Amino acid sequence: MADCSVSSTGVAFGTYDPTATVATDSTGNLTLVCTHVSGGGQRVNYTVALSAGSSGTFTQRWMRAGTSTLSYNLFDTAARARIWGDGSAGTVVISDGFAVGPGQGNNRREVVYPIYGRIPALQSVATGTYTDTIVVTLTF
């Protein structure tokens, strides 16, 4: 038997320039840790999904500063071609697996997945501190 958990460092974009003609990119990390608890070695298969955040849609996530919004999104690769979501509406989830426990060469396994963020260019937004909360769902 294994016990697994996730932790993350946020995608911090810094100061957004609404006059910049190129997108603002940043990265964070999601860390998955599985530890052998009991029994023999086993394979742990898992999926990691991200929520839509305060926008309620994956088409374009929003950060908010009061009533103002700033569009952004989160992706699973540096190419920023596939939106990391819950598998619905054309989004993808991370699906993987590994062996952990006696006879597997390790009793603890840690995997880090980069989270690639992008704010599209030329958004006319009010000055403020924009934030969003994304819920990570680990299924194993």
N, C-alpha and C. Protein backbone atom coordinates (compact mmCIF):
# COMPACT_ATOMS: atom_id res chain seq x y z
N MET A 1 0.84 -1.18 0.00
CA MET A 1 0.00 0.00 0.00
C MET A 1 0.89 1.24 0.00
N ALA A 2 0.44 2.26 -0.70
CA ALA A 2 1.19 3.52 -0.78
C ALA A 2 0.28 4.68 -0.40
N ASP A 3 0.90 5.71 0.11
CA ASP A 3 0.21 6.96 0.42
C ASP A 3 0.81 8.04 -0.47
N CYS A 4 -0.05 8.81 -1.15
CA CYS A 4 0.43 9.82 -2.08
C CYS A 4 -0.16 11.19 -1.74
N SER A 5 0.61 12.23 -2.03
CA SER A 5 0.15 13.60 -1.82
C SER A 5 0.76 14.52 -2.86
N VAL A 6 0.17 15.70 -3.02
CA VAL A 6 0.72 16.70 -3.92
C VAL A 6 0.90 18.02 -3.18
N SER A 7 1.87 18.79 -3.64
CA SER A 7 2.07 20.15 -3.18
C SER A 7 2.44 20.97 -4.41
N SER A 8 2.35 22.27 -4.28
CA SER A 8 2.67 23.09 -5.46
C SER A 8 3.27 24.42 -5.07
N THR A 9 4.01 24.98 -6.02
CA THR A 9 4.44 26.37 -5.93
C THR A 9 3.65 27.09 -7.02
N GLY A 10 3.08 28.20 -6.69
CA GLY A 10 2.22 28.92 -7.61
C GLY A 10 2.94 29.45 -8.83
N VAL A 11 2.15 29.74 -9.83
CA VAL A 11 2.66 30.39 -11.04
C VAL A 11 2.58 31.89 -10.77
N ALA A 12 3.72 32.51 -10.50
CA ALA A 12 3.77 33.94 -10.16
C ALA A 12 4.21 34.72 -11.39
N PHE A 13 3.31 35.50 -11.94
CA PHE A 13 3.59 36.23 -13.17
C PHE A 13 4.34 37.54 -12.93
N GLY A 14 4.32 38.06 -11.74
CA GLY A 14 4.95 39.36 -11.49
C GLY A 14 4.07 40.48 -12.01
N THR A 15 4.68 41.59 -12.37
CA THR A 15 3.94 42.76 -12.83
C THR A 15 3.56 42.59 -14.30
N TYR A 16 2.28 42.74 -14.58
CA TYR A 16 1.77 42.62 -15.95
C TYR A 16 1.79 44.00 -16.62
N ASP A 17 2.31 44.03 -17.84
CA ASP A 17 2.35 45.27 -18.62
C ASP A 17 1.28 45.18 -19.71
N PRO A 18 0.17 45.93 -19.58
CA PRO A 18 -0.91 45.84 -20.56
C PRO A 18 -0.54 46.37 -21.95
N THR A 19 0.60 47.03 -22.08
CA THR A 19 1.03 47.53 -23.40
C THR A 19 2.01 46.58 -24.10
N ALA A 20 2.45 45.54 -23.40
CA ALA A 20 3.39 44.58 -24.01
C ALA A 20 2.70 43.84 -25.15
N THR A 21 3.41 43.65 -26.24
CA THR A 21 2.83 43.00 -27.41
C THR A 21 3.07 41.50 -27.44
N VAL A 22 3.73 40.97 -26.44
CA VAL A 22 3.95 39.53 -26.33
C VAL A 22 3.32 39.04 -25.03
N ALA A 23 2.96 37.79 -25.01
CA ALA A 23 2.36 37.18 -23.83
C ALA A 23 3.34 37.19 -22.66
N THR A 24 2.80 37.18 -21.46
CA THR A 24 3.60 37.08 -20.24
C THR A 24 3.57 35.63 -19.78
N ASP A 25 4.73 34.98 -19.72
CA ASP A 25 4.83 33.58 -19.34
C ASP A 25 5.51 33.43 -17.99
N SER A 26 5.13 32.37 -17.28
CA SER A 26 5.76 32.03 -16.02
C SER A 26 5.53 30.54 -15.76
N THR A 27 6.24 30.01 -14.78
CA THR A 27 6.06 28.60 -14.42
C THR A 27 5.98 28.44 -12.91
N GLY A 28 5.34 27.38 -12.52
CA GLY A 28 5.30 26.91 -11.14
C GLY A 28 5.59 25.43 -11.17
N ASN A 29 5.48 24.78 -10.05
CA ASN A 29 5.72 23.33 -10.00
C ASN A 29 4.68 22.63 -9.17
N LEU A 30 4.34 21.43 -9.58
CA LEU A 30 3.49 20.55 -8.81
C LEU A 30 4.33 19.33 -8.46
N THR A 31 4.42 19.01 -7.18
CA THR A 31 5.24 17.88 -6.74
C THR A 31 4.35 16.78 -6.19
N LEU A 32 4.50 15.59 -6.74
CA LEU A 32 3.78 14.40 -6.30
C LEU A 32 4.75 13.53 -5.52
N VAL A 33 4.33 13.11 -4.32
CA VAL A 33 5.15 12.22 -3.49
C VAL A 33 4.32 11.01 -3.10
N CYS A 34 4.84 9.82 -3.37
CA CYS A 34 4.20 8.57 -2.94
C CYS A 34 5.19 7.82 -2.05
N THR A 35 4.70 7.38 -0.91
CA THR A 35 5.52 6.66 0.07
C THR A 35 4.91 5.29 0.33
N HIS A 36 5.76 4.27 0.32
CA HIS A 36 5.31 2.93 0.63
C HIS A 36 4.90 2.88 2.10
N VAL A 37 3.72 2.33 2.39
CA VAL A 37 3.21 2.27 3.75
C VAL A 37 3.24 0.85 4.29
N SER A 38 2.74 -0.11 3.52
CA SER A 38 2.71 -1.50 3.99
C SER A 38 2.57 -2.45 2.82
N GLY A 39 2.81 -3.74 3.12
CA GLY A 39 2.68 -4.77 2.10
C GLY A 39 3.86 -4.79 1.15
N GLY A 40 3.68 -5.53 0.06
CA GLY A 40 4.74 -5.63 -0.93
C GLY A 40 4.77 -4.42 -1.84
N GLY A 41 5.74 -4.46 -2.73
CA GLY A 41 5.85 -3.37 -3.69
C GLY A 41 4.64 -3.33 -4.60
N GLN A 42 4.36 -2.18 -5.13
CA GLN A 42 3.21 -2.05 -6.00
C GLN A 42 3.43 -0.96 -7.02
N ARG A 43 2.61 -0.99 -8.05
CA ARG A 43 2.60 0.08 -9.04
C ARG A 43 1.51 1.06 -8.65
N VAL A 44 1.87 2.33 -8.61
CA VAL A 44 0.91 3.40 -8.32
C VAL A 44 0.61 4.11 -9.63
N ASN A 45 -0.62 4.03 -10.08
CA ASN A 45 -1.07 4.77 -11.26
C ASN A 45 -1.89 5.96 -10.76
N TYR A 46 -1.74 7.11 -11.39
CA TYR A 46 -2.41 8.30 -10.90
C TYR A 46 -2.75 9.26 -12.02
N THR A 47 -3.66 10.17 -11.70
CA THR A 47 -3.96 11.31 -12.56
C THR A 47 -3.93 12.56 -11.68
N VAL A 48 -3.52 13.66 -12.30
CA VAL A 48 -3.49 14.95 -11.62
C VAL A 48 -4.28 15.93 -12.48
N ALA A 49 -5.35 16.48 -11.89
CA ALA A 49 -6.21 17.43 -12.59
C ALA A 49 -6.15 18.79 -11.91
N LEU A 50 -6.39 19.85 -12.68
CA LEU A 50 -6.45 21.22 -12.16
C LEU A 50 -7.85 21.77 -12.40
N SER A 51 -8.38 22.52 -11.44
CA SER A 51 -9.71 23.12 -11.58
C SER A 51 -9.66 24.33 -12.52
N ALA A 52 -10.83 24.83 -12.85
CA ALA A 52 -10.94 26.00 -13.72
C ALA A 52 -10.67 27.30 -12.97
N GLY A 53 -10.66 27.27 -11.66
CA GLY A 53 -10.45 28.49 -10.88
C GLY A 53 -11.70 29.33 -10.83
N SER A 54 -11.54 30.62 -10.55
CA SER A 54 -12.70 31.50 -10.33
C SER A 54 -13.51 31.78 -11.59
N SER A 55 -12.93 31.54 -12.77
CA SER A 55 -13.67 31.79 -14.00
C SER A 55 -14.74 30.74 -14.24
N GLY A 56 -14.53 29.54 -13.70
CA GLY A 56 -15.48 28.45 -13.91
C GLY A 56 -15.38 27.81 -15.29
N THR A 57 -14.41 28.23 -16.09
CA THR A 57 -14.24 27.67 -17.43
C THR A 57 -12.76 27.50 -17.73
N PHE A 58 -12.46 26.51 -18.55
CA PHE A 58 -11.07 26.30 -18.95
C PHE A 58 -10.72 27.08 -20.21
N THR A 59 -11.74 27.54 -20.94
CA THR A 59 -11.50 28.27 -22.18
C THR A 59 -10.56 29.43 -21.91
N GLN A 60 -10.82 30.15 -20.84
CA GLN A 60 -9.92 31.21 -20.40
C GLN A 60 -10.12 31.39 -18.90
N ARG A 61 -9.09 31.00 -18.14
CA ARG A 61 -9.16 31.24 -16.71
C ARG A 61 -9.01 32.74 -16.44
N TRP A 62 -9.49 33.20 -15.29
CA TRP A 62 -9.36 34.60 -14.91
C TRP A 62 -8.71 34.71 -13.56
N MET A 63 -7.85 35.71 -13.43
CA MET A 63 -7.41 36.18 -12.12
C MET A 63 -8.28 37.39 -11.82
N ARG A 64 -8.52 37.62 -10.54
CA ARG A 64 -9.38 38.74 -10.16
C ARG A 64 -8.65 39.70 -9.22
N ALA A 65 -8.99 40.98 -9.38
CA ALA A 65 -8.60 42.03 -8.45
C ALA A 65 -9.89 42.82 -8.22
N GLY A 66 -10.60 42.50 -7.15
CA GLY A 66 -11.92 43.09 -6.95
C GLY A 66 -12.85 42.60 -8.03
N THR A 67 -13.46 43.52 -8.78
CA THR A 67 -14.36 43.14 -9.87
C THR A 67 -13.65 43.06 -11.23
N SER A 68 -12.39 43.44 -11.27
CA SER A 68 -11.61 43.37 -12.52
C SER A 68 -11.07 41.97 -12.74
N THR A 69 -10.94 41.57 -14.01
CA THR A 69 -10.40 40.26 -14.34
C THR A 69 -9.25 40.39 -15.34
N LEU A 70 -8.33 39.43 -15.25
CA LEU A 70 -7.20 39.34 -16.16
C LEU A 70 -7.15 37.89 -16.65
N SER A 71 -7.25 37.69 -17.96
CA SER A 71 -7.27 36.34 -18.54
C SER A 71 -5.89 35.71 -18.49
N TYR A 72 -5.86 34.40 -18.24
CA TYR A 72 -4.62 33.62 -18.26
C TYR A 72 -4.99 32.17 -18.47
N ASN A 73 -3.99 31.31 -18.61
CA ASN A 73 -4.26 29.89 -18.59
C ASN A 73 -3.04 29.11 -18.15
N LEU A 74 -3.26 27.82 -17.86
CA LEU A 74 -2.22 26.91 -17.38
C LEU A 74 -2.11 25.74 -18.34
N PHE A 75 -0.86 25.31 -18.59
CA PHE A 75 -0.60 24.30 -19.60
C PHE A 75 0.32 23.22 -19.06
N ASP A 76 0.32 22.07 -19.73
CA ASP A 76 1.13 20.94 -19.26
C ASP A 76 2.52 20.86 -19.88
N THR A 77 2.78 21.67 -20.92
CA THR A 77 4.11 21.66 -21.55
C THR A 77 4.54 23.09 -21.86
N ALA A 78 5.84 23.25 -22.10
CA ALA A 78 6.39 24.57 -22.41
C ALA A 78 5.85 25.13 -23.73
N ALA A 79 5.37 24.27 -24.61
CA ALA A 79 4.78 24.74 -25.88
C ALA A 79 3.46 25.46 -25.65
N ARG A 80 2.87 25.26 -24.47
CA ARG A 80 1.60 25.89 -24.08
C ARG A 80 0.50 25.65 -25.12
N ALA A 81 0.44 24.41 -25.60
CA ALA A 81 -0.54 24.05 -26.61
C ALA A 81 -1.75 23.33 -26.02
N ARG A 82 -1.57 22.67 -24.85
CA ARG A 82 -2.66 21.90 -24.24
C ARG A 82 -2.95 22.46 -22.85
N ILE A 83 -4.21 22.85 -22.64
CA ILE A 83 -4.62 23.39 -21.35
C ILE A 83 -4.71 22.26 -20.33
N TRP A 84 -4.07 22.46 -19.18
CA TRP A 84 -4.11 21.50 -18.09
C TRP A 84 -5.38 21.77 -17.30
N GLY A 85 -6.29 20.80 -17.31
CA GLY A 85 -7.56 20.94 -16.63
C GLY A 85 -7.98 19.63 -16.00
N ASP A 86 -9.25 19.27 -16.21
CA ASP A 86 -9.79 18.04 -15.61
C ASP A 86 -10.17 16.99 -16.65
N GLY A 87 -9.72 17.19 -17.89
CA GLY A 87 -10.03 16.25 -18.95
C GLY A 87 -11.29 16.59 -19.72
N SER A 88 -12.05 17.60 -19.27
CA SER A 88 -13.25 18.01 -19.99
C SER A 88 -12.93 19.21 -20.88
N ALA A 89 -13.85 19.51 -21.78
CA ALA A 89 -13.76 20.70 -22.64
C ALA A 89 -12.42 20.82 -23.37
N GLY A 90 -11.86 19.68 -23.79
CA GLY A 90 -10.61 19.69 -24.54
C GLY A 90 -9.36 19.84 -23.69
N THR A 91 -9.48 19.82 -22.38
CA THR A 91 -8.30 19.94 -21.51
C THR A 91 -7.68 18.57 -21.27
N VAL A 92 -6.47 18.58 -20.75
CA VAL A 92 -5.76 17.34 -20.45
C VAL A 92 -5.50 17.22 -18.95
N VAL A 93 -5.30 15.99 -18.51
CA VAL A 93 -4.83 15.71 -17.16
C VAL A 93 -3.48 15.01 -17.29
N ILE A 94 -2.70 15.05 -16.25
CA ILE A 94 -1.45 14.29 -16.22
C ILE A 94 -1.80 12.88 -15.75
N SER A 95 -1.41 11.88 -16.51
CA SER A 95 -1.62 10.48 -16.15
C SER A 95 -0.28 9.78 -16.22
N ASP A 96 0.08 9.09 -15.14
CA ASP A 96 1.36 8.41 -15.11
C ASP A 96 1.31 7.33 -14.04
N GLY A 97 2.43 6.71 -13.79
CA GLY A 97 2.53 5.69 -12.76
C GLY A 97 3.96 5.26 -12.56
N PHE A 98 4.21 4.62 -11.44
CA PHE A 98 5.53 4.10 -11.13
C PHE A 98 5.41 3.07 -10.02
N ALA A 99 6.49 2.30 -9.83
CA ALA A 99 6.53 1.28 -8.78
C ALA A 99 7.15 1.88 -7.53
N VAL A 100 6.63 1.45 -6.37
CA VAL A 100 7.16 1.92 -5.10
C VAL A 100 7.05 0.78 -4.08
N GLY A 101 8.04 0.69 -3.19
CA GLY A 101 7.99 -0.31 -2.12
C GLY A 101 9.08 -1.35 -2.22
N PRO A 102 9.05 -2.32 -1.31
CA PRO A 102 10.07 -3.38 -1.27
C PRO A 102 10.20 -4.09 -2.61
N GLY A 103 11.42 -4.30 -3.01
CA GLY A 103 11.69 -4.97 -4.27
C GLY A 103 11.57 -4.06 -5.48
N GLN A 104 11.18 -2.82 -5.27
CA GLN A 104 11.02 -1.86 -6.37
C GLN A 104 12.18 -0.87 -6.43
N GLY A 105 13.09 -0.95 -5.46
CA GLY A 105 14.25 -0.06 -5.47
C GLY A 105 14.04 1.25 -4.74
N ASN A 106 12.82 1.47 -4.24
CA ASN A 106 12.57 2.70 -3.50
C ASN A 106 11.33 2.56 -2.62
N ASN A 107 11.32 3.23 -1.50
CA ASN A 107 10.15 3.26 -0.62
C ASN A 107 9.45 4.61 -0.69
N ARG A 108 10.05 5.52 -1.42
CA ARG A 108 9.48 6.86 -1.59
C ARG A 108 9.81 7.34 -2.99
N ARG A 109 8.84 7.87 -3.67
CA ARG A 109 9.06 8.36 -5.03
C ARG A 109 8.50 9.76 -5.15
N GLU A 110 9.28 10.66 -5.72
CA GLU A 110 8.87 12.05 -5.91
C GLU A 110 9.01 12.41 -7.38
N VAL A 111 7.96 13.04 -7.92
CA VAL A 111 7.97 13.48 -9.31
C VAL A 111 7.52 14.94 -9.34
N VAL A 112 8.23 15.77 -10.10
CA VAL A 112 7.90 17.19 -10.22
C VAL A 112 7.39 17.46 -11.63
N TYR A 113 6.23 18.09 -11.70
CA TYR A 113 5.64 18.48 -12.97
C TYR A 113 5.61 20.00 -13.06
N PRO A 114 6.23 20.59 -14.06
CA PRO A 114 6.12 22.03 -14.24
C PRO A 114 4.69 22.41 -14.63
N ILE A 115 4.24 23.55 -14.15
CA ILE A 115 2.97 24.14 -14.56
C ILE A 115 3.34 25.39 -15.36
N TYR A 116 2.96 25.42 -16.62
CA TYR A 116 3.32 26.53 -17.50
C TYR A 116 2.13 27.49 -17.61
N GLY A 117 2.34 28.74 -17.22
CA GLY A 117 1.28 29.73 -17.26
C GLY A 117 1.52 30.77 -18.33
N ARG A 118 0.43 31.33 -18.84
CA ARG A 118 0.53 32.40 -19.85
C ARG A 118 -0.62 33.38 -19.68
N ILE A 119 -0.26 34.68 -19.70
CA ILE A 119 -1.24 35.76 -19.77
C ILE A 119 -1.16 36.32 -21.19
N PRO A 120 -2.26 36.30 -21.94
CA PRO A 120 -2.24 36.87 -23.29
C PRO A 120 -1.89 38.35 -23.27
N ALA A 121 -1.29 38.82 -24.32
CA ALA A 121 -0.85 40.22 -24.44
C ALA A 121 -2.03 41.17 -24.64
N LEU A 122 -1.74 42.44 -24.38
CA LEU A 122 -2.61 43.56 -24.72
C LEU A 122 -4.00 43.52 -24.07
N GLN A 123 -4.05 43.14 -22.80
CA GLN A 123 -5.31 43.19 -22.07
C GLN A 123 -5.39 44.52 -21.33
N SER A 124 -6.45 45.23 -21.54
CA SER A 124 -6.67 46.51 -20.87
C SER A 124 -7.29 46.23 -19.50
N VAL A 125 -6.48 46.35 -18.46
CA VAL A 125 -6.95 46.00 -17.11
C VAL A 125 -6.62 47.11 -16.12
N ALA A 126 -7.39 47.16 -15.06
CA ALA A 126 -7.15 48.12 -13.99
C ALA A 126 -5.93 47.69 -13.19
N THR A 127 -5.27 48.67 -12.57
CA THR A 127 -4.15 48.38 -11.69
C THR A 127 -4.66 47.62 -10.47
N GLY A 128 -3.92 46.61 -10.05
CA GLY A 128 -4.33 45.85 -8.87
C GLY A 128 -3.51 44.59 -8.72
N THR A 129 -3.77 43.87 -7.65
CA THR A 129 -3.13 42.59 -7.41
C THR A 129 -4.12 41.51 -7.81
N TYR A 130 -3.82 40.80 -8.87
CA TYR A 130 -4.72 39.79 -9.43
C TYR A 130 -4.31 38.41 -8.93
N THR A 131 -5.30 37.64 -8.48
CA THR A 131 -5.04 36.29 -7.98
C THR A 131 -6.15 35.34 -8.42
N ASP A 132 -5.86 34.08 -8.35
CA ASP A 132 -6.84 33.03 -8.58
C ASP A 132 -6.42 31.84 -7.72
N THR A 133 -7.37 30.97 -7.43
CA THR A 133 -7.08 29.75 -6.68
C THR A 133 -7.45 28.56 -7.54
N ILE A 134 -6.49 27.68 -7.73
CA ILE A 134 -6.69 26.46 -8.50
C ILE A 134 -6.64 25.28 -7.54
N VAL A 135 -7.62 24.38 -7.65
CA VAL A 135 -7.67 23.18 -6.83
C VAL A 135 -7.01 22.05 -7.61
N VAL A 136 -6.08 21.36 -6.97
CA VAL A 136 -5.40 20.21 -7.58
C VAL A 136 -6.08 18.94 -7.07
N THR A 137 -6.46 18.06 -7.99
CA THR A 137 -7.08 16.79 -7.61
C THR A 137 -6.16 15.65 -8.03
N LEU A 138 -5.72 14.89 -7.05
CA LEU A 138 -4.88 13.70 -7.27
C LEU A 138 -5.74 12.47 -7.10
N THR A 139 -5.78 11.63 -8.11
CA THR A 139 -6.52 10.36 -8.03
C THR A 139 -5.52 9.23 -8.24
N PHE A 140 -5.47 8.32 -7.28
CA PHE A 140 -4.53 7.17 -7.41
C PHE A 140 -5.15 5.91 -6.88
